[in-house]
């Protein structure tokens, strides 16, 4: 069974996740891409493939996790957003298992909201931020879009399971470059560490054998409960 691959932009994010991820069947790997969609796209291309044939070593589930910027004024630093869909490069990339990840995070005591995430190639502020919020987007980042697109292309007909988790550090009322944002960043990293186990449980749940193979499904469900 292939395991979980998590992309982060920053080294601090990667370290927090490595500390929080439990051992799991197939393993869990965290890869720091560096900031921005170009870096994220390059790392995703190395890890995934658009081939229709099964690829040995390809992950069974993929996530992007780290800090992000709130678009919706109701969000506050420290709030956790799980993407229901990712807006990137004119595409709307759905995240069908967002509710499952939300439930796993809530089970771990991490309150979560779900909604659209926007990936941008630049820092979003001012009127642009307000315009995206008016369209219903909750949070913005710079990496999830290319990874979500690569997952969709890697397994035509369904795509690789993908999730994006962002902990808010800046908001329309608390800009990025403020002392309060630094304090919020430290809290966000603690929350990211707590997200490791829920991410692993989410990933294993994606690999449960479909209905019709009850014995294997039961075995996988036991694995989910065990971590």
C-alpha atoms as a PDB file:
ATOM      1  CA  UNK A   1       0.000   0.000   0.000  1.00  0.00           C
ATOM      2  CA  UNK A   2       1.357   3.429  -0.912  1.00  0.00           C
ATOM      3  CA  UNK A   3       1.199   6.024   1.815  1.00  0.00           C
ATOM      4  CA  UNK A   4       0.838   9.757   2.292  1.00  0.00           C
ATOM      5  CA  UNK A   5       2.882  12.529   0.700  1.00  0.00           C
ATOM      6  CA  UNK A   6       2.583  16.013   2.207  1.00  0.00           C
ATOM      7  CA  UNK A   7       4.002  19.120   0.546  1.00  0.00           C
ATOM      8  CA  UNK A   8       4.892  22.225   2.544  1.00  0.00           C
ATOM      9  CA  UNK A   9       6.416  25.501   1.426  1.00  0.00           C
ATOM     10  CA  UNK A  10       8.548  26.205   4.493  1.00  0.00           C
ATOM     11  CA  UNK A  11      11.031  24.214   6.522  1.00  0.00           C
ATOM     12  CA  UNK A  12       9.298  25.109   9.789  1.00  0.00           C
ATOM     13  CA  UNK A  13       6.035  23.736   8.422  1.00  0.00           C
ATOM     14  CA  UNK A  14       7.751  20.537   7.329  1.00  0.00           C
ATOM     15  CA  UNK A  15       9.341  20.026  10.735  1.00  0.00           C
ATOM     16  CA  UNK A  16       6.039  20.562  12.554  1.00  0.00           C
ATOM     17  CA  UNK A  17       4.309  17.993  10.362  1.00  0.00           C
ATOM     18  CA  UNK A  18       7.102  15.432  10.679  1.00  0.00           C
ATOM     19  CA  UNK A  19       6.815  15.731  14.441  1.00  0.00           C
ATOM     20  CA  UNK A  20       3.050  15.227  14.291  1.00  0.00           C
ATOM     21  CA  UNK A  21       2.695  12.442  11.731  1.00  0.00           C
ATOM     22  CA  UNK A  22       2.409   8.938  13.219  1.00  0.00           C
ATOM     23  CA  UNK A  23       3.726   5.731  11.729  1.00  0.00           C
ATOM     24  CA  UNK A  24       1.264   4.415   9.170  1.00  0.00           C
ATOM     25  CA  UNK A  25       1.012   1.638   6.580  1.00  0.00           C
ATOM     26  CA  UNK A  26       2.819   2.733   3.442  1.00  0.00           C
ATOM     27  CA  UNK A  27       4.624   5.464   5.331  1.00  0.00           C
ATOM     28  CA  UNK A  28       4.247   9.233   5.384  1.00  0.00           C
ATOM     29  CA  UNK A  29       6.679  11.591   3.692  1.00  0.00           C
ATOM     30  CA  UNK A  30       6.915  15.376   4.032  1.00  0.00           C
ATOM     31  CA  UNK A  31       8.563  17.373   1.233  1.00  0.00           C
ATOM     32  CA  UNK A  32       9.473  21.063   1.456  1.00  0.00           C
ATOM     33  CA  UNK A  33       8.961  22.673  -1.938  1.00  0.00           C
ATOM     34  CA  UNK A  34       9.878  26.269  -1.237  1.00  0.00           C
ATOM     35  CA  UNK A  35       7.389  29.069  -1.765  1.00  0.00           C
ATOM     36  CA  UNK A  36       5.291  29.699  -4.838  1.00  0.00           C
ATOM     37  CA  UNK A  37       3.404  27.801  -7.525  1.00  0.00           C
ATOM     38  CA  UNK A  38       6.439  27.250  -9.722  1.00  0.00           C
ATOM     39  CA  UNK A  39       8.311  25.397  -6.979  1.00  0.00           C
ATOM     40  CA  UNK A  40       5.208  23.439  -5.988  1.00  0.00           C
ATOM     41  CA  UNK A  41       4.584  22.417  -9.596  1.00  0.00           C
ATOM     42  CA  UNK A  42       8.169  21.226 -10.025  1.00  0.00           C
ATOM     43  CA  UNK A  43       8.105  19.046  -6.919  1.00  0.00           C
ATOM     44  CA  UNK A  44       4.670  17.654  -7.756  1.00  0.00           C
ATOM     45  CA  UNK A  45       5.872  16.731 -11.240  1.00  0.00           C
ATOM     46  CA  UNK A  46       8.778  14.792  -9.758  1.00  0.00           C
ATOM     47  CA  UNK A  47       6.571  12.889  -7.327  1.00  0.00           C
ATOM     48  CA  UNK A  48       3.581  12.169  -9.547  1.00  0.00           C
ATOM     49  CA  UNK A  49       2.932  11.073 -13.090  1.00  0.00           C
ATOM     50  CA  UNK A  50       0.203  11.594 -15.666  1.00  0.00           C
ATOM     51  CA  UNK A  51       0.515   7.983 -16.804  1.00  0.00           C
ATOM     52  CA  UNK A  52      -2.658   5.904 -16.753  1.00  0.00           C
ATOM     53  CA  UNK A  53      -0.648   2.899 -15.576  1.00  0.00           C
ATOM     54  CA  UNK A  54      -0.024   2.199 -11.868  1.00  0.00           C
ATOM     55  CA  UNK A  55       3.285   3.652 -10.776  1.00  0.00           C
ATOM     56  CA  UNK A  56       5.390   1.887  -8.172  1.00  0.00           C
ATOM     57  CA  UNK A  57       6.183   4.195  -5.308  1.00  0.00           C
ATOM     58  CA  UNK A  58       3.563   6.762  -6.214  1.00  0.00           C
ATOM     59  CA  UNK A  59       1.749   7.979  -3.077  1.00  0.00           C
ATOM     60  CA  UNK A  60      -1.758   6.804  -2.340  1.00  0.00           C
ATOM     61  CA  UNK A  61      -2.825  10.228  -1.073  1.00  0.00           C
ATOM     62  CA  UNK A  62      -1.371  13.727  -1.334  1.00  0.00           C
ATOM     63  CA  UNK A  63      -1.813  16.832   0.803  1.00  0.00           C
ATOM     64  CA  UNK A  64      -0.541  20.380   0.975  1.00  0.00           C
ATOM     65  CA  UNK A  65      -0.385  21.842   4.466  1.00  0.00           C
ATOM     66  CA  UNK A  66       0.910  24.968   6.161  1.00  0.00           C
ATOM     67  CA  UNK A  67      -0.002  28.558   6.848  1.00  0.00           C
ATOM     68  CA  UNK A  68      -2.187  30.759   4.672  1.00  0.00           C
ATOM     69  CA  UNK A  69      -3.882  34.120   4.409  1.00  0.00           C
ATOM     70  CA  UNK A  70      -7.548  34.639   5.233  1.00  0.00           C
ATOM     71  CA  UNK A  71      -9.784  36.255   2.634  1.00  0.00           C
ATOM     72  CA  UNK A  72     -13.019  36.063   4.617  1.00  0.00           C
ATOM     73  CA  UNK A  73     -13.095  38.697   7.373  1.00  0.00           C
ATOM     74  CA  UNK A  74     -14.793  36.244   9.725  1.00  0.00           C
ATOM     75  CA  UNK A  75     -11.600  34.198   9.927  1.00  0.00           C
ATOM     76  CA  UNK A  76      -9.031  34.941  12.620  1.00  0.00           C
ATOM     77  CA  UNK A  77      -5.353  34.007  13.052  1.00  0.00           C
ATOM     78  CA  UNK A  78      -5.176  30.391  14.135  1.00  0.00           C
ATOM     79  CA  UNK A  79      -8.339  29.300  12.342  1.00  0.00           C
ATOM     80  CA  UNK A  80      -7.989  26.138  10.263  1.00  0.00           C
ATOM     81  CA  UNK A  81      -9.372  25.847   6.740  1.00  0.00           C
ATOM     82  CA  UNK A  82      -9.707  22.616   4.770  1.00  0.00           C
ATOM     83  CA  UNK A  83     -10.213  23.289   1.065  1.00  0.00           C
ATOM     84  CA  UNK A  84     -13.480  22.061  -0.427  1.00  0.00           C
ATOM     85  CA  UNK A  85     -12.068  23.063  -3.815  1.00  0.00           C
ATOM     86  CA  UNK A  86      -8.976  24.827  -5.114  1.00  0.00           C
ATOM     87  CA  UNK A  87      -9.110  27.726  -7.575  1.00  0.00           C
ATOM     88  CA  UNK A  88      -6.021  27.806  -9.728  1.00  0.00           C
ATOM     89  CA  UNK A  89      -5.141  28.992 -13.213  1.00  0.00           C
ATOM     90  CA  UNK A  90      -8.764  29.238 -14.303  1.00  0.00           C
ATOM     91  CA  UNK A  91      -9.608  25.793 -12.948  1.00  0.00           C
ATOM     92  CA  UNK A  92     -11.832  24.706 -10.085  1.00  0.00           C
ATOM     93  CA  UNK A  93     -10.282  21.564  -8.630  1.00  0.00           C
ATOM     94  CA  UNK A  94     -12.636  19.734  -6.241  1.00  0.00           C
ATOM     95  CA  UNK A  95     -11.525  18.098  -2.994  1.00  0.00           C
ATOM     96  CA  UNK A  96     -14.242  15.455  -2.496  1.00  0.00           C
ATOM     97  CA  UNK A  97     -12.931  14.130   0.821  1.00  0.00           C
ATOM     98  CA  UNK A  98     -12.707  17.521   2.549  1.00  0.00           C
ATOM     99  CA  UNK A  99     -15.514  16.657   4.970  1.00  0.00           C
ATOM    100  CA  UNK A 100     -13.740  13.484   6.029  1.00  0.00           C
ATOM    101  CA  UNK A 101     -10.566  15.407   6.837  1.00  0.00           C
ATOM    102  CA  UNK A 102     -12.618  18.035   8.641  1.00  0.00           C
ATOM    103  CA  UNK A 103     -14.139  15.278  10.783  1.00  0.00           C
ATOM    104  CA  UNK A 104     -10.738  13.761  11.587  1.00  0.00           C
ATOM    105  CA  UNK A 105      -9.368  17.157  12.614  1.00  0.00           C
ATOM    106  CA  UNK A 106     -12.424  17.843  14.764  1.00  0.00           C
ATOM    107  CA  UNK A 107     -11.981  14.435  16.386  1.00  0.00           C
ATOM    108  CA  UNK A 108      -8.462  15.559  17.346  1.00  0.00           C
ATOM    109  CA  UNK A 109      -9.839  18.745  18.891  1.00  0.00           C
ATOM    110  CA  UNK A 110      -8.956  21.025  15.977  1.00  0.00           C
ATOM    111  CA  UNK A 111     -11.979  23.115  14.893  1.00  0.00           C
ATOM    112  CA  UNK A 112     -12.124  23.490  11.123  1.00  0.00           C
ATOM    113  CA  UNK A 113     -14.088  25.288   8.441  1.00  0.00           C
ATOM    114  CA  UNK A 114     -14.270  24.126   4.829  1.00  0.00           C
ATOM    115  CA  UNK A 115     -14.541  26.239   1.714  1.00  0.00           C
ATOM    116  CA  UNK A 116     -12.792  27.354  -1.472  1.00  0.00           C
ATOM    117  CA  UNK A 117      -9.047  27.985  -1.408  1.00  0.00           C
ATOM    118  CA  UNK A 118      -7.357  30.233  -3.974  1.00  0.00           C
ATOM    119  CA  UNK A 119      -3.777  29.698  -5.109  1.00  0.00           C
ATOM    120  CA  UNK A 120      -1.998  32.828  -6.306  1.00  0.00           C
ATOM    121  CA  UNK A 121       1.439  33.486  -7.718  1.00  0.00           C
ATOM    122  CA  UNK A 122       1.774  36.681  -5.686  1.00  0.00           C
ATOM    123  CA  UNK A 123       0.827  38.078  -2.287  1.00  0.00           C
ATOM    124  CA  UNK A 124      -2.843  39.046  -2.318  1.00  0.00           C
ATOM    125  CA  UNK A 125      -3.977  42.217  -0.566  1.00  0.00           C
ATOM    126  CA  UNK A 126      -6.368  45.134  -0.721  1.00  0.00           C
ATOM    127  CA  UNK A 127      -9.095  45.142  -3.335  1.00  0.00           C
ATOM    128  CA  UNK A 128      -7.969  41.827  -4.807  1.00  0.00           C
ATOM    129  CA  UNK A 129      -8.376  40.181  -1.433  1.00  0.00           C
ATOM    130  CA  UNK A 130     -11.840  41.647  -1.056  1.00  0.00           C
ATOM    131  CA  UNK A 131     -12.842  40.577  -4.551  1.00  0.00           C
ATOM    132  CA  UNK A 132     -11.888  36.961  -3.931  1.00  0.00           C
ATOM    133  CA  UNK A 133     -13.756  36.976  -0.627  1.00  0.00           C
ATOM    134  CA  UNK A 134     -16.840  38.347  -2.389  1.00  0.00           C
ATOM    135  CA  UNK A 135     -16.739  35.326  -4.697  1.00  0.00           C
ATOM    136  CA  UNK A 136     -16.807  33.012  -1.676  1.00  0.00           C
ATOM    137  CA  UNK A 137     -13.149  32.073  -1.242  1.00  0.00           C
ATOM    138  CA  UNK A 138     -11.982  31.632   2.344  1.00  0.00           C
ATOM    139  CA  UNK A 139      -8.200  31.479   2.193  1.00  0.00           C
ATOM    140  CA  UNK A 140      -5.274  32.039  -0.172  1.00  0.00           C
ATOM    141  CA  UNK A 141      -1.957  30.257  -0.570  1.00  0.00           C
ATOM    142  CA  UNK A 142       0.772  29.921  -3.203  1.00  0.00           C
ATOM    143  CA  UNK A 143       1.235  26.157  -3.549  1.00  0.00           C
ATOM    144  CA  UNK A 144      -1.945  24.063  -3.439  1.00  0.00           C
ATOM    145  CA  UNK A 145      -3.177  24.697  -6.981  1.00  0.00           C
ATOM    146  CA  UNK A 146      -0.357  23.102  -8.989  1.00  0.00           C
ATOM    147  CA  UNK A 147      -0.291  20.089  -6.662  1.00  0.00           C
ATOM    148  CA  UNK A 148      -4.066  19.625  -6.901  1.00  0.00           C
ATOM    149  CA  UNK A 149      -3.834  19.845 -10.693  1.00  0.00           C
ATOM    150  CA  UNK A 150      -1.010  17.296 -10.785  1.00  0.00           C
ATOM    151  CA  UNK A 151      -3.056  14.897  -8.644  1.00  0.00           C
ATOM    152  CA  UNK A 152      -6.031  15.249 -10.991  1.00  0.00           C
ATOM    153  CA  UNK A 153      -3.829  14.498 -14.002  1.00  0.00           C
ATOM    154  CA  UNK A 154      -1.953  11.635 -12.336  1.00  0.00           C
ATOM    155  CA  UNK A 155      -4.955   9.316 -12.254  1.00  0.00           C
ATOM    156  CA  UNK A 156      -7.487  10.232 -14.961  1.00  0.00           C
ATOM    157  CA  UNK A 157     -11.033   9.279 -14.097  1.00  0.00           C
ATOM    158  CA  UNK A 158     -10.740  10.045 -10.413  1.00  0.00           C
ATOM    159  CA  UNK A 159      -7.378  11.519  -9.605  1.00  0.00           C
ATOM    160  CA  UNK A 160      -5.185  10.835  -6.613  1.00  0.00           C
ATOM    161  CA  UNK A 161      -6.846  11.726  -3.303  1.00  0.00           C
ATOM    162  CA  UNK A 162      -5.857  15.309  -2.479  1.00  0.00           C
ATOM    163  CA  UNK A 163      -6.357  17.628   0.479  1.00  0.00           C
ATOM    164  CA  UNK A 164      -5.223  21.124   1.387  1.00  0.00           C
ATOM    165  CA  UNK A 165      -5.050  22.394   4.969  1.00  0.00           C
ATOM    166  CA  UNK A 166      -4.196  25.989   5.821  1.00  0.00           C
ATOM    167  CA  UNK A 167      -3.834  27.598   9.235  1.00  0.00           C
ATOM    168  CA  UNK A 168      -4.562  31.314   9.056  1.00  0.00           C
ATOM    169  CA  UNK A 169      -1.711  33.643  10.038  1.00  0.00           C
ATOM    170  CA  UNK A 170      -2.777  36.896   8.371  1.00  0.00           C
ATOM    171  CA  UNK A 171      -6.172  38.424   7.669  1.00  0.00           C
ATOM    172  CA  UNK A 172      -7.517  41.586   6.023  1.00  0.00           C
ATOM    173  CA  UNK A 173      -7.306  43.226   9.459  1.00  0.00           C
ATOM    174  CA  UNK A 174      -4.011  41.634  10.576  1.00  0.00           C
ATOM    175  CA  UNK A 175      -1.519  42.062   7.701  1.00  0.00           C
ATOM    176  CA  UNK A 176       1.372  39.686   7.190  1.00  0.00           C
ATOM    177  CA  UNK A 177       4.202  41.925   8.361  1.00  0.00           C
ATOM    178  CA  UNK A 178       3.153  42.681  11.931  1.00  0.00           C
ATOM    179  CA  UNK A 179       4.386  41.425  15.332  1.00  0.00           C
ATOM    180  CA  UNK A 180       0.987  39.835  15.929  1.00  0.00           C
ATOM    181  CA  UNK A 181       1.522  37.728  12.824  1.00  0.00           C
ATOM    182  CA  UNK A 182       4.742  36.315  14.282  1.00  0.00           C
ATOM    183  CA  UNK A 183       2.893  35.226  17.406  1.00  0.00           C
ATOM    184  CA  UNK A 184       0.155  33.763  15.238  1.00  0.00           C
ATOM    185  CA  UNK A 185       2.775  31.884  13.242  1.00  0.00           C
ATOM    186  CA  UNK A 186       4.032  30.102  16.343  1.00  0.00           C
ATOM    187  CA  UNK A 187       0.476  29.059  17.224  1.00  0.00           C
ATOM    188  CA  UNK A 188      -0.101  27.931  13.656  1.00  0.00           C
ATOM    189  CA  UNK A 189       2.911  25.613  13.779  1.00  0.00           C
ATOM    190  CA  UNK A 190       1.603  24.006  16.961  1.00  0.00           C
ATOM    191  CA  UNK A 191      -1.739  23.454  15.252  1.00  0.00           C
ATOM    192  CA  UNK A 192       0.016  22.030  12.202  1.00  0.00           C
ATOM    193  CA  UNK A 193       1.762  19.505  14.433  1.00  0.00           C
ATOM    194  CA  UNK A 194      -1.621  18.435  15.806  1.00  0.00           C
ATOM    195  CA  UNK A 195      -2.890  17.998  12.245  1.00  0.00           C
ATOM    196  CA  UNK A 196      -0.417  15.204  11.512  1.00  0.00           C
ATOM    197  CA  UNK A 197      -2.427  12.319  12.927  1.00  0.00           C
ATOM    198  CA  UNK A 198      -5.733  13.438  11.335  1.00  0.00           C
ATOM    199  CA  UNK A 199      -3.963  13.715   7.977  1.00  0.00           C
ATOM    200  CA  UNK A 200      -2.649  10.168   8.334  1.00  0.00           C
ATOM    201  CA  UNK A 201      -6.099   8.865   9.230  1.00  0.00           C
ATOM    202  CA  UNK A 202      -7.599  10.721   6.262  1.00  0.00           C
ATOM    203  CA  UNK A 203      -4.988   9.231   3.929  1.00  0.00           C
ATOM    204  CA  UNK A 204      -5.612   5.684   5.111  1.00  0.00           C
ATOM    205  CA  UNK A 205      -9.355   6.138   4.722  1.00  0.00           C
ATOM    206  CA  UNK A 206      -8.787   7.000   1.043  1.00  0.00           C
ATOM    207  CA  UNK A 207      -7.180   3.612   0.537  1.00  0.00           C
ATOM    208  CA  UNK A 208     -10.005   1.519   1.966  1.00  0.00           C
ATOM    209  CA  UNK A 209     -11.000  -1.081  -0.595  1.00  0.00           C
ATOM    210  CA  UNK A 210     -14.324  -0.237  -2.292  1.00  0.00           C
ATOM    211  CA  UNK A 211     -17.496  -2.132  -1.465  1.00  0.00           C
ATOM    212  CA  UNK A 212     -17.350  -5.681  -2.687  1.00  0.00           C
ATOM    213  CA  UNK A 213     -14.092  -6.598  -0.953  1.00  0.00           C
ATOM    214  CA  UNK A 214     -15.423  -6.622   2.590  1.00  0.00           C
ATOM    215  CA  UNK A 215     -12.530  -8.471   4.178  1.00  0.00           C
ATOM    216  CA  UNK A 216      -9.894  -6.110   2.828  1.00  0.00           C
ATOM    217  CA  UNK A 217     -12.045  -3.099   3.650  1.00  0.00           C
ATOM    218  CA  UNK A 218     -12.411  -4.302   7.220  1.00  0.00           C
ATOM    219  CA  UNK A 219      -8.661  -4.744   7.537  1.00  0.00           C
ATOM    220  CA  UNK A 220      -8.031  -1.233   6.267  1.00  0.00           C
ATOM    221  CA  UNK A 221     -10.645   0.192   8.628  1.00  0.00           C
ATOM    222  CA  UNK A 222      -8.812  -1.458  11.511  1.00  0.00           C
ATOM    223  CA  UNK A 223      -5.628   0.261  10.323  1.00  0.00           C
ATOM    224  CA  UNK A 224      -7.392   3.642  10.343  1.00  0.00           C
ATOM    225  CA  UNK A 225      -8.630   3.085  13.877  1.00  0.00           C
ATOM    226  CA  UNK A 226      -5.171   2.015  15.021  1.00  0.00           C
ATOM    227  CA  UNK A 227      -3.396   5.318  14.381  1.00  0.00           C
END
